[in-house]
Amino acid sequence: CPRCTFKNLITLANCTMCNTPRPVIGTPPREGKDTWMCSICTFQNENVSSCKMCTTPRPAKTVTKEQRALNIMKARALQLSQFVSMQSDRVKSTQKKNNGGKQLVD
């Protein structure tokens, strides 16, 4: 899919994930749209300064290897932070259940 990069079956007219119509081969880019592909997750973004999927900032016209590496580290740090937060919430919920609804002190 040119919009979300999902690999669809060739027989489908629209993307399974985002419902974007399958482009005709050789279709030119949409006129008047400020589109860019995220260098981290490959999502096709329109008119935004950071990726709608992974929040990676829109790169400058030319991205150095160092900038790309930094963007990858930021995206991984964000993913790790979200995972840790989710796990922490899950542990607190389990502790609360096991203690008759009383929350333990952190």
PDB file of N, CA and C in Angstrom:
ATOM      1  N   CYS A   1       0.841  -1.181   0.000  1.00  0.00           N
ATOM      2  CA  CYS A   1       0.000   0.000   0.000  1.00  0.00           C
ATOM      3  C   CYS A   1       0.889   1.248   0.000  1.00  0.00           C
ATOM      4  N   PRO A   2       0.608   2.196  -0.854  1.00  0.00           N
ATOM      5  CA  PRO A   2       1.428   3.403  -0.887  1.00  0.00           C
ATOM      6  C   PRO A   2       1.197   4.313   0.323  1.00  0.00           C
ATOM      7  N   ARG A   3       0.105   4.122   1.029  1.00  0.00           N
ATOM      8  CA  ARG A   3      -0.216   4.976   2.182  1.00  0.00           C
ATOM      9  C   ARG A   3       0.407   4.433   3.472  1.00  0.00           C
ATOM     10  N   CYS A   4       0.147   3.158   3.786  1.00  0.00           N
ATOM     11  CA  CYS A   4       0.618   2.610   5.071  1.00  0.00           C
ATOM     12  C   CYS A   4       1.694   1.547   4.912  1.00  0.00           C
ATOM     13  N   THR A   5       2.053   1.184   3.714  1.00  0.00           N
ATOM     14  CA  THR A   5       3.095   0.217   3.343  1.00  0.00           C
ATOM     15  C   THR A   5       2.748  -1.238   3.679  1.00  0.00           C
ATOM     16  N   PHE A   6       1.482  -1.521   4.012  1.00  0.00           N
ATOM     17  CA  PHE A   6       1.065  -2.894   4.286  1.00  0.00           C
ATOM     18  C   PHE A   6       1.128  -3.712   3.004  1.00  0.00           C
ATOM     19  N   LYS A   7       1.574  -4.955   3.111  1.00  0.00           N
ATOM     20  CA  LYS A   7       1.653  -5.850   1.949  1.00  0.00           C
ATOM     21  C   LYS A   7       0.306  -6.559   1.778  1.00  0.00           C
ATOM     22  N   ASN A   8      -0.494  -6.084   0.832  1.00  0.00           N
ATOM     23  CA  ASN A   8      -1.815  -6.651   0.568  1.00  0.00           C
ATOM     24  C   ASN A   8      -1.757  -7.738  -0.489  1.00  0.00           C
ATOM     25  N   LEU A   9      -2.802  -8.552  -0.527  1.00  0.00           N
ATOM     26  CA  LEU A   9      -2.943  -9.516  -1.608  1.00  0.00           C
ATOM     27  C   LEU A   9      -3.154  -8.753  -2.908  1.00  0.00           C
ATOM     28  N   ILE A  10      -2.600  -9.248  -3.986  1.00  0.00           N
ATOM     29  CA  ILE A  10      -2.674  -8.560  -5.265  1.00  0.00           C
ATOM     30  C   ILE A  10      -4.104  -8.472  -5.795  1.00  0.00           C
ATOM     31  N   THR A  11      -4.979  -9.339  -5.316  1.00  0.00           N
ATOM     32  CA  THR A  11      -6.358  -9.367  -5.803  1.00  0.00           C
ATOM     33  C   THR A  11      -7.256  -8.317  -5.142  1.00  0.00           C
ATOM     34  N   LEU A  12      -6.796  -7.675  -4.086  1.00  0.00           N
ATOM     35  CA  LEU A  12      -7.624  -6.703  -3.368  1.00  0.00           C
ATOM     36  C   LEU A  12      -7.604  -5.337  -4.041  1.00  0.00           C
ATOM     37  N   ALA A  13      -8.759  -4.690  -4.089  1.00  0.00           N
ATOM     38  CA  ALA A  13      -8.866  -3.363  -4.681  1.00  0.00           C
ATOM     39  C   ALA A  13      -8.461  -2.268  -3.686  1.00  0.00           C
ATOM     40  N   ASN A  14      -8.672  -2.539  -2.391  1.00  0.00           N
ATOM     41  CA  ASN A  14      -8.340  -1.574  -1.337  1.00  0.00           C
ATOM     42  C   ASN A  14      -7.449  -2.225  -0.294  1.00  0.00           C
ATOM     43  N   CYS A  15      -6.651  -1.411   0.391  1.00  0.00           N
ATOM     44  CA  CYS A  15      -5.762  -1.896   1.444  1.00  0.00           C
ATOM     45  C   CYS A  15      -6.572  -2.456   2.609  1.00  0.00           C
ATOM     46  N   THR A  16      -6.150  -3.587   3.130  1.00  0.00           N
ATOM     47  CA  THR A  16      -6.800  -4.217   4.267  1.00  0.00           C
ATOM     48  C   THR A  16      -6.687  -3.369   5.530  1.00  0.00           C
ATOM     49  N   MET A  17      -5.583  -2.648   5.684  1.00  0.00           N
ATOM     50  CA  MET A  17      -5.338  -1.879   6.902  1.00  0.00           C
ATOM     51  C   MET A  17      -5.955  -0.485   6.884  1.00  0.00           C
ATOM     52  N   CYS A  18      -5.784   0.262   5.797  1.00  0.00           N
ATOM     53  CA  CYS A  18      -6.206   1.668   5.788  1.00  0.00           C
ATOM     54  C   CYS A  18      -7.257   1.986   4.729  1.00  0.00           C
ATOM     55  N   ASN A  19      -7.658   0.975   3.959  1.00  0.00           N
ATOM     56  CA  ASN A  19      -8.703   1.102   2.941  1.00  0.00           C
ATOM     57  C   ASN A  19      -8.329   2.027   1.773  1.00  0.00           C
ATOM     58  N   THR A  20      -7.054   2.335   1.614  1.00  0.00           N
ATOM     59  CA  THR A  20      -6.617   3.133   0.469  1.00  0.00           C
ATOM     60  C   THR A  20      -6.777   2.314  -0.803  1.00  0.00           C
ATOM     61  N   PRO A  21      -7.346   2.906  -1.854  1.00  0.00           N
ATOM     62  CA  PRO A  21      -7.485   2.161  -3.116  1.00  0.00           C
ATOM     63  C   PRO A  21      -6.115   1.773  -3.686  1.00  0.00           C
ATOM     64  N   ARG A  22      -6.079   0.612  -4.305  1.00  0.00           N
ATOM     65  CA  ARG A  22      -4.845   0.163  -4.952  1.00  0.00           C
ATOM     66  C   ARG A  22      -4.535   1.130  -6.096  1.00  0.00           C
ATOM     67  N   PRO A  23      -3.311   1.659  -6.143  1.00  0.00           N
ATOM     68  CA  PRO A  23      -2.989   2.600  -7.220  1.00  0.00           C
ATOM     69  C   PRO A  23      -2.801   1.883  -8.549  1.00  0.00           C
ATOM     70  N   VAL A  24      -3.098   2.593  -9.598  1.00  0.00           N
ATOM     71  CA  VAL A  24      -2.829   2.082 -10.939  1.00  0.00           C
ATOM     72  C   VAL A  24      -1.326   2.250 -11.148  1.00  0.00           C
ATOM     73  N   ILE A  25      -0.683   1.246 -11.717  1.00  0.00           N
ATOM     74  CA  ILE A  25       0.759   1.327 -11.933  1.00  0.00           C
ATOM     75  C   ILE A  25       1.067   2.548 -12.777  1.00  0.00           C
ATOM     76  N   GLY A  26       2.036   3.306 -12.313  1.00  0.00           N
ATOM     77  CA  GLY A  26       2.414   4.514 -13.025  1.00  0.00           C
ATOM     78  C   GLY A  26       1.636   5.747 -12.598  1.00  0.00           C
ATOM     79  N   THR A  27       0.813   5.621 -11.532  1.00  0.00           N
ATOM     80  CA  THR A  27       0.051   6.771 -11.048  1.00  0.00           C
ATOM     81  C   THR A  27       1.009   7.797 -10.458  1.00  0.00           C
ATOM     82  N   PRO A  28       0.941   9.047 -10.893  1.00  0.00           N
ATOM     83  CA  PRO A  28       1.826  10.065 -10.345  1.00  0.00           C
ATOM     84  C   PRO A  28       1.418  10.437  -8.917  1.00  0.00           C
ATOM     85  N   PRO A  29       2.327  11.031  -8.129  1.00  0.00           N
ATOM     86  CA  PRO A  29       1.965  11.452  -6.786  1.00  0.00           C
ATOM     87  C   PRO A  29       0.834  12.469  -6.843  1.00  0.00           C
ATOM     88  N   ARG A  30       0.032  12.510  -5.762  1.00  0.00           N
ATOM     89  CA  ARG A  30      -1.084  13.452  -5.707  1.00  0.00           C
ATOM     90  C   ARG A  30      -0.576  14.878  -5.711  1.00  0.00           C
ATOM     91  N   GLU A  31      -1.156  15.689  -6.555  1.00  0.00           N
ATOM     92  CA  GLU A  31      -0.761  17.094  -6.671  1.00  0.00           C
ATOM     93  C   GLU A  31      -1.241  17.874  -5.453  1.00  0.00           C
ATOM     94  N   GLY A  32      -0.422  18.823  -5.003  1.00  0.00           N
ATOM     95  CA  GLY A  32      -0.820  19.710  -3.925  1.00  0.00           C
ATOM     96  C   GLY A  32      -0.697  19.110  -2.536  1.00  0.00           C
ATOM     97  N   LYS A  33      -0.284  17.873  -2.418  1.00  0.00           N
ATOM     98  CA  LYS A  33      -0.142  17.228  -1.115  1.00  0.00           C
ATOM     99  C   LYS A  33       1.318  17.261  -0.682  1.00  0.00           C
ATOM    100  N   ASP A  34       1.533  17.616   0.567  1.00  0.00           N
ATOM    101  CA  ASP A  34       2.881  17.639   1.134  1.00  0.00           C
ATOM    102  C   ASP A  34       3.120  16.293   1.804  1.00  0.00           C
ATOM    103  N   THR A  35       3.546  15.310   1.009  1.00  0.00           N
ATOM    104  CA  THR A  35       3.714  13.951   1.525  1.00  0.00           C
ATOM    105  C   THR A  35       5.177  13.623   1.737  1.00  0.00           C
ATOM    106  N   TRP A  36       5.420  12.745   2.704  1.00  0.00           N
ATOM    107  CA  TRP A  36       6.773  12.251   2.972  1.00  0.00           C
ATOM    108  C   TRP A  36       6.680  10.894   3.646  1.00  0.00           C
ATOM    109  N   MET A  37       7.689  10.043   3.397  1.00  0.00           N
ATOM    110  CA  MET A  37       7.732   8.720   3.987  1.00  0.00           C
ATOM    111  C   MET A  37       8.621   8.745   5.228  1.00  0.00           C
ATOM    112  N   CYS A  38       8.106   8.210   6.325  1.00  0.00           N
ATOM    113  CA  CYS A  38       8.878   8.142   7.567  1.00  0.00           C
ATOM    114  C   CYS A  38      10.082   7.218   7.366  1.00  0.00           C
ATOM    115  N   SER A  39      11.236   7.690   7.789  1.00  0.00           N
ATOM    116  CA  SER A  39      12.463   6.897   7.623  1.00  0.00           C
ATOM    117  C   SER A  39      12.559   5.749   8.621  1.00  0.00           C
ATOM    118  N   ILE A  40      11.687   5.745   9.636  1.00  0.00           N
ATOM    119  CA  ILE A  40      11.709   4.691  10.653  1.00  0.00           C
ATOM    120  C   ILE A  40      10.695   3.593  10.343  1.00  0.00           C
ATOM    121  N   CYS A  41       9.414   3.985  10.170  1.00  0.00           N
ATOM    122  CA  CYS A  41       8.363   2.977   9.993  1.00  0.00           C
ATOM    123  C   CYS A  41       7.817   2.906   8.566  1.00  0.00           C
ATOM    124  N   THR A  42       8.252   3.765   7.681  1.00  0.00           N
ATOM    125  CA  THR A  42       7.892   3.844   6.262  1.00  0.00           C
ATOM    126  C   THR A  42       6.453   4.295   6.015  1.00  0.00           C
ATOM    127  N   PHE A  43       5.759   4.790   7.020  1.00  0.00           N
ATOM    128  CA  PHE A  43       4.396   5.288   6.843  1.00  0.00           C
ATOM    129  C   PHE A  43       4.421   6.525   5.957  1.00  0.00           C
ATOM    130  N   GLN A  44       3.472   6.626   5.010  1.00  0.00           N
ATOM    131  CA  GLN A  44       3.356   7.794   4.146  1.00  0.00           C
ATOM    132  C   GLN A  44       2.523   8.849   4.870  1.00  0.00           C
ATOM    133  N   ASN A  45       3.130   9.949   5.237  1.00  0.00           N
ATOM    134  CA  ASN A  45       2.477  11.023   5.969  1.00  0.00           C
ATOM    135  C   ASN A  45       2.096  12.158   5.026  1.00  0.00           C
ATOM    136  N   GLU A  46       1.058  12.910   5.391  1.00  0.00           N
ATOM    137  CA  GLU A  46       0.617  14.061   4.610  1.00  0.00           C
ATOM    138  C   GLU A  46       0.442  15.262   5.526  1.00  0.00           C
ATOM    139  N   ASN A  47       1.083  16.372   5.169  1.00  0.00           N
ATOM    140  CA  ASN A  47       0.876  17.656   5.833  1.00  0.00           C
ATOM    141  C   ASN A  47       1.087  17.628   7.350  1.00  0.00           C
ATOM    142  N   VAL A  48       2.083  16.882   7.828  1.00  0.00           N
ATOM    143  CA  VAL A  48       2.398  16.842   9.252  1.00  0.00           C
ATOM    144  C   VAL A  48       3.899  16.975   9.450  1.00  0.00           C
ATOM    145  N   SER A  49       4.300  17.439  10.628  1.00  0.00           N
ATOM    146  CA  SER A  49       5.724  17.624  10.895  1.00  0.00           C
ATOM    147  C   SER A  49       6.354  16.440  11.615  1.00  0.00           C
ATOM    148  N   SER A  50       5.524  15.501  12.101  1.00  0.00           N
ATOM    149  CA  SER A  50       6.054  14.268  12.675  1.00  0.00           C
ATOM    150  C   SER A  50       5.146  13.118  12.253  1.00  0.00           C
ATOM    151  N   CYS A  51       5.701  11.921  12.214  1.00  0.00           N
ATOM    152  CA  CYS A  51       4.990  10.746  11.717  1.00  0.00           C
ATOM    153  C   CYS A  51       3.740  10.461  12.552  1.00  0.00           C
ATOM    154  N   LYS A  52       2.628  10.188  11.876  1.00  0.00           N
ATOM    155  CA  LYS A  52       1.373   9.884  12.560  1.00  0.00           C
ATOM    156  C   LYS A  52       1.406   8.519  13.238  1.00  0.00           C
ATOM    157  N   MET A  53       2.313   7.640  12.807  1.00  0.00           N
ATOM    158  CA  MET A  53       2.370   6.299  13.377  1.00  0.00           C
ATOM    159  C   MET A  53       3.372   6.180  14.530  1.00  0.00           C
ATOM    160  N   CYS A  54       4.576   6.715  14.355  1.00  0.00           N
ATOM    161  CA  CYS A  54       5.617   6.508  15.361  1.00  0.00           C
ATOM    162  C   CYS A  54       6.153   7.803  15.956  1.00  0.00           C
ATOM    163  N   THR A  55       5.628   8.932  15.560  1.00  0.00           N
ATOM    164  CA  THR A  55       5.977  10.272  16.060  1.00  0.00           C
ATOM    165  C   THR A  55       7.401  10.727  15.733  1.00  0.00           C
ATOM    166  N   THR A  56       8.073  10.030  14.848  1.00  0.00           N
ATOM    167  CA  THR A  56       9.404  10.461  14.439  1.00  0.00           C
ATOM    168  C   THR A  56       9.282  11.805  13.722  1.00  0.00           C
ATOM    169  N   PRO A  57      10.113  12.781  14.075  1.00  0.00           N
ATOM    170  CA  PRO A  57      10.040  14.078  13.390  1.00  0.00           C
ATOM    171  C   PRO A  57      10.328  13.935  11.892  1.00  0.00           C
ATOM    172  N   ARG A  58       9.663  14.794  11.111  1.00  0.00           N
ATOM    173  CA  ARG A  58       9.914  14.811   9.673  1.00  0.00           C
ATOM    174  C   ARG A  58      11.366  15.207   9.441  1.00  0.00           C
ATOM    175  N   PRO A  59      12.077  14.437   8.637  1.00  0.00           N
ATOM    176  CA  PRO A  59      13.487  14.758   8.403  1.00  0.00           C
ATOM    177  C   PRO A  59      13.651  15.986   7.511  1.00  0.00           C
ATOM    178  N   ALA A  60      14.836  16.557   7.581  1.00  0.00           N
ATOM    179  CA  ALA A  60      15.189  17.642   6.666  1.00  0.00           C
ATOM    180  C   ALA A  60      15.278  17.042   5.262  1.00  0.00           C
ATOM    181  N   LYS A  61      15.480  17.874   4.281  1.00  0.00           N
ATOM    182  CA  LYS A  61      15.565  17.373   2.904  1.00  0.00           C
ATOM    183  C   LYS A  61      16.620  16.282   2.757  1.00  0.00           C
ATOM    184  N   THR A  62      17.744  16.441   3.447  1.00  0.00           N
ATOM    185  CA  THR A  62      18.772  15.402   3.440  1.00  0.00           C
ATOM    186  C   THR A  62      19.014  14.966   4.882  1.00  0.00           C
ATOM    187  N   VAL A  63      19.026  13.677   5.097  1.00  0.00           N
ATOM    188  CA  VAL A  63      19.206  13.125   6.431  1.00  0.00           C
ATOM    189  C   VAL A  63      20.566  12.434   6.490  1.00  0.00           C
ATOM    190  N   THR A  64      21.366  12.831   7.451  1.00  0.00           N
ATOM    191  CA  THR A  64      22.669  12.193   7.621  1.00  0.00           C
ATOM    192  C   THR A  64      22.494  10.845   8.306  1.00  0.00           C
ATOM    193  N   LYS A  65      23.505  10.013   8.225  1.00  0.00           N
ATOM    194  CA  LYS A  65      23.469   8.716   8.910  1.00  0.00           C
ATOM    195  C   LYS A  65      23.302   8.911  10.409  1.00  0.00           C
ATOM    196  N   GLU A  66      23.932   9.953  10.942  1.00  0.00           N
ATOM    197  CA  GLU A  66      23.847  10.234  12.375  1.00  0.00           C
ATOM    198  C   GLU A  66      22.415  10.618  12.761  1.00  0.00           C
ATOM    199  N   GLN A  67      21.758  11.451  11.927  1.00  0.00           N
ATOM    200  CA  GLN A  67      20.379  11.849  12.213  1.00  0.00           C
ATOM    201  C   GLN A  67      19.447  10.643  12.153  1.00  0.00           C
ATOM    202  N   ARG A  68      19.647   9.782  11.158  1.00  0.00           N
ATOM    203  CA  ARG A  68      18.813   8.579  11.041  1.00  0.00           C
ATOM    204  C   ARG A  68      19.012   7.680  12.255  1.00  0.00           C
ATOM    205  N   ALA A  69      20.263   7.486  12.672  1.00  0.00           N
ATOM    206  CA  ALA A  69      20.539   6.656  13.849  1.00  0.00           C
ATOM    207  C   ALA A  69      19.885   7.251  15.095  1.00  0.00           C
ATOM    208  N   LEU A  70      19.948   8.572  15.230  1.00  0.00           N
ATOM    209  CA  LEU A  70      19.323   9.241  16.378  1.00  0.00           C
ATOM    210  C   LEU A  70      17.805   9.059  16.336  1.00  0.00           C
ATOM    211  N   ASN A  71      17.210   9.197  15.166  1.00  0.00           N
ATOM    212  CA  ASN A  71      15.765   8.993  15.040  1.00  0.00           C
ATOM    213  C   ASN A  71      15.364   7.570  15.411  1.00  0.00           C
ATOM    214  N   ILE A  72      16.166   6.601  14.995  1.00  0.00           N
ATOM    215  CA  ILE A  72      15.882   5.204  15.332  1.00  0.00           C
ATOM    216  C   ILE A  72      15.971   5.008  16.843  1.00  0.00           C
ATOM    217  N   MET A  73      16.999   5.581  17.467  1.00  0.00           N
ATOM    218  CA  MET A  73      17.135   5.453  18.927  1.00  0.00           C
ATOM    219  C   MET A  73      15.961   6.111  19.649  1.00  0.00           C
ATOM    220  N   LYS A  74      15.516   7.276  19.166  1.00  0.00           N
ATOM    221  CA  LYS A  74      14.370   7.958  19.783  1.00  0.00           C
ATOM    222  C   LYS A  74      13.105   7.116  19.669  1.00  0.00           C
ATOM    223  N   ALA A  75      12.890   6.539  18.493  1.00  0.00           N
ATOM    224  CA  ALA A  75      11.700   5.712  18.290  1.00  0.00           C
ATOM    225  C   ALA A  75      11.738   4.482  19.185  1.00  0.00           C
ATOM    226  N   ARG A  76      12.899   3.858  19.310  1.00  0.00           N
ATOM    227  CA  ARG A  76      13.024   2.675  20.174  1.00  0.00           C
ATOM    228  C   ARG A  76      12.861   3.053  21.646  1.00  0.00           C
ATOM    229  N   ALA A  77      13.393   4.215  22.038  1.00  0.00           N
ATOM    230  CA  ALA A  77      13.227   4.686  23.422  1.00  0.00           C
ATOM    231  C   ALA A  77      11.756   4.932  23.722  1.00  0.00           C
ATOM    232  N   LEU A  78      11.043   5.513  22.771  1.00  0.00           N
ATOM    233  CA  LEU A  78       9.614   5.757  22.946  1.00  0.00           C
ATOM    234  C   LEU A  78       8.858   4.437  23.082  1.00  0.00           C
ATOM    235  N   GLN A  79       9.174   3.476  22.227  1.00  0.00           N
ATOM    236  CA  GLN A  79       8.522   2.170  22.301  1.00  0.00           C
ATOM    237  C   GLN A  79       8.805   1.505  23.645  1.00  0.00           C
ATOM    238  N   LEU A  80      10.050   1.566  24.103  1.00  0.00           N
ATOM    239  CA  LEU A  80      10.421   0.966  25.382  1.00  0.00           C
ATOM    240  C   LEU A  80       9.697   1.652  26.532  1.00  0.00           C
ATOM    241  N   SER A  81       9.632   2.972  26.495  1.00  0.00           N
ATOM    242  CA  SER A  81       8.943   3.735  27.529  1.00  0.00           C
ATOM    243  C   SER A  81       7.468   3.348  27.598  1.00  0.00           C
ATOM    244  N   GLN A  82       6.833   3.224  26.438  1.00  0.00           N
ATOM    245  CA  GLN A  82       5.427   2.836  26.395  1.00  0.00           C
ATOM    246  C   GLN A  82       5.238   1.416  26.923  1.00  0.00           C
ATOM    247  N   PHE A  83       6.153   0.519  26.589  1.00  0.00           N
ATOM    248  CA  PHE A  83       6.077  -0.859  27.066  1.00  0.00           C
ATOM    249  C   PHE A  83       6.227  -0.917  28.583  1.00  0.00           C
ATOM    250  N   VAL A  84       7.206  -0.190  29.132  1.00  0.00           N
ATOM    251  CA  VAL A  84       7.439  -0.183  30.581  1.00  0.00           C
ATOM    252  C   VAL A  84       6.228   0.379  31.310  1.00  0.00           C
ATOM    253  N   SER A  85       5.655   1.453  30.780  1.00  0.00           N
ATOM    254  CA  SER A  85       4.473   2.059  31.382  1.00  0.00           C
ATOM    255  C   SER A  85       3.302   1.077  31.389  1.00  0.00           C
ATOM    256  N   MET A  86       3.120   0.375  30.283  1.00  0.00           N
ATOM    257  CA  MET A  86       2.044  -0.599  30.180  1.00  0.00           C
ATOM    258  C   MET A  86       2.240  -1.741  31.177  1.00  0.00           C
ATOM    259  N   GLN A  87       3.484  -2.224  31.298  1.00  0.00           N
ATOM    260  CA  GLN A  87       3.777  -3.302  32.230  1.00  0.00           C
ATOM    261  C   GLN A  87       3.579  -2.851  33.675  1.00  0.00           C
ATOM    262  N   SER A  88       3.980  -1.623  33.979  1.00  0.00           N
ATOM    263  CA  SER A  88       3.813  -1.078  35.318  1.00  0.00           C
ATOM    264  C   SER A  88       2.333  -0.997  35.682  1.00  0.00           C
ATOM    265  N   ASP A  89       1.513  -0.525  34.757  1.00  0.00           N
ATOM    266  CA  ASP A  89       0.072  -0.453  34.992  1.00  0.00           C
ATOM    267  C   ASP A  89      -0.518  -1.843  35.209  1.00  0.00           C
ATOM    268  N   ARG A  90      -0.032  -2.808  34.443  1.00  0.00           N
ATOM    269  CA  ARG A  90      -0.516  -4.182  34.572  1.00  0.00           C
ATOM    270  C   ARG A  90      -0.156  -4.756  35.943  1.00  0.00           C
ATOM    271  N   VAL A  91       1.066  -4.501  36.422  1.00  0.00           N
ATOM    272  CA  VAL A  91       1.500  -4.988  37.738  1.00  0.00           C
ATOM    273  C   VAL A  91       0.666  -4.356  38.835  1.00  0.00           C
ATOM    274  N   LYS A  92       0.459  -3.027  38.756  1.00  0.00           N
ATOM    275  CA  LYS A  92      -0.349  -2.334  39.772  1.00  0.00           C
ATOM    276  C   LYS A  92      -1.769  -2.869  39.806  1.00  0.00           C
ATOM    277  N   SER A  93      -2.340  -3.143  38.650  1.00  0.00           N
ATOM    278  CA  SER A  93      -3.697  -3.674  38.568  1.00  0.00           C
ATOM    279  C   SER A  93      -3.768  -5.053  39.226  1.00  0.00           C
ATOM    280  N   THR A  94      -2.766  -5.894  38.956  1.00  0.00           N
ATOM    281  CA  THR A  94      -2.722  -7.230  39.541  1.00  0.00           C
ATOM    282  C   THR A  94      -2.552  -7.156  41.055  1.00  0.00           C
ATOM    283  N   GLN A  95      -1.676  -6.263  41.522  1.00  0.00           N
ATOM    284  CA  GLN A  95      -1.463  -6.101  42.966  1.00  0.00           C
ATOM    285  C   GLN A  95      -2.739  -5.638  43.649  1.00  0.00           C
ATOM    286  N   LYS A  96      -3.432  -4.717  43.019  1.00  0.00           N
ATOM    287  CA  LYS A  96      -4.662  -4.175  43.582  1.00  0.00           C
ATOM    288  C   LYS A  96      -5.718  -5.275  43.695  1.00  0.00           C
ATOM    289  N   LYS A  97      -5.816  -6.128  42.655  1.00  0.00           N
ATOM    290  CA  LYS A  97      -6.759  -7.243  42.665  1.00  0.00           C
ATOM    291  C   LYS A  97      -6.430  -8.219  43.789  1.00  0.00           C
ATOM    292  N   ASN A  98      -5.132  -8.513  43.935  1.00  0.00           N
ATOM    293  CA  ASN A  98      -4.691  -9.493  44.927  1.00  0.00           C
ATOM    294  C   ASN A  98      -4.783  -8.980  46.357  1.00  0.00           C
ATOM    295  N   ASN A  99      -4.937  -7.679  46.554  1.00  0.00           N
ATOM    296  CA  ASN A  99      -5.000  -7.101  47.894  1.00  0.00           C
ATOM    297  C   ASN A  99      -6.383  -6.543  48.211  1.00  0.00           C
ATOM    298  N   GLY A 100      -7.407  -7.137  47.619  1.00  0.00           N
ATOM    299  CA  GLY A 100      -8.777  -6.738  47.904  1.00  0.00           C
ATOM    300  C   GLY A 100      -9.105  -5.317  47.529  1.00  0.00           C
ATOM    301  N   GLY A 101      -8.520  -4.805  46.477  1.00  0.00           N
ATOM    302  CA  GLY A 101      -8.822  -3.463  46.006  1.00  0.00           C
ATOM    303  C   GLY A 101      -7.950  -2.390  46.599  1.00  0.00           C
ATOM    304  N   LYS A 102      -7.082  -2.729  47.540  1.00  0.00           N
ATOM    305  CA  LYS A 102      -6.181  -1.741  48.143  1.00  0.00           C
ATOM    306  C   LYS A 102      -4.911  -1.620  47.303  1.00  0.00           C
ATOM    307  N   GLN A 103      -4.543  -0.407  47.014  1.00  0.00           N
ATOM    308  CA  GLN A 103      -3.318  -0.189  46.228  1.00  0.00           C
ATOM    309  C   GLN A 103      -2.120  -0.137  47.158  1.00  0.00           C
ATOM    310  N   LEU A 104      -1.059  -0.846  46.787  1.00  0.00           N
ATOM    311  CA  LEU A 104       0.167  -0.840  47.570  1.00  0.00           C
ATOM    312  C   LEU A 104       0.914   0.452  47.333  1.00  0.00           C
ATOM    313  N   VAL A 105       1.701   0.881  48.298  1.00  0.00           N
ATOM    314  CA  VAL A 105       2.511   2.082  48.163  1.00  0.00           C
ATOM    315  C   VAL A 105       3.703   1.771  47.259  1.00  0.00           C
ATOM    316  N   ASP A 106       4.005   2.679  46.316  1.00  0.00           N
ATOM    317  CA  ASP A 106       5.140   2.475  45.408  1.00  0.00           C
ATOM    318  C   ASP A 106       6.449   2.597  46.136  1.00  0.00           C
TER     319      ASP A 106
END
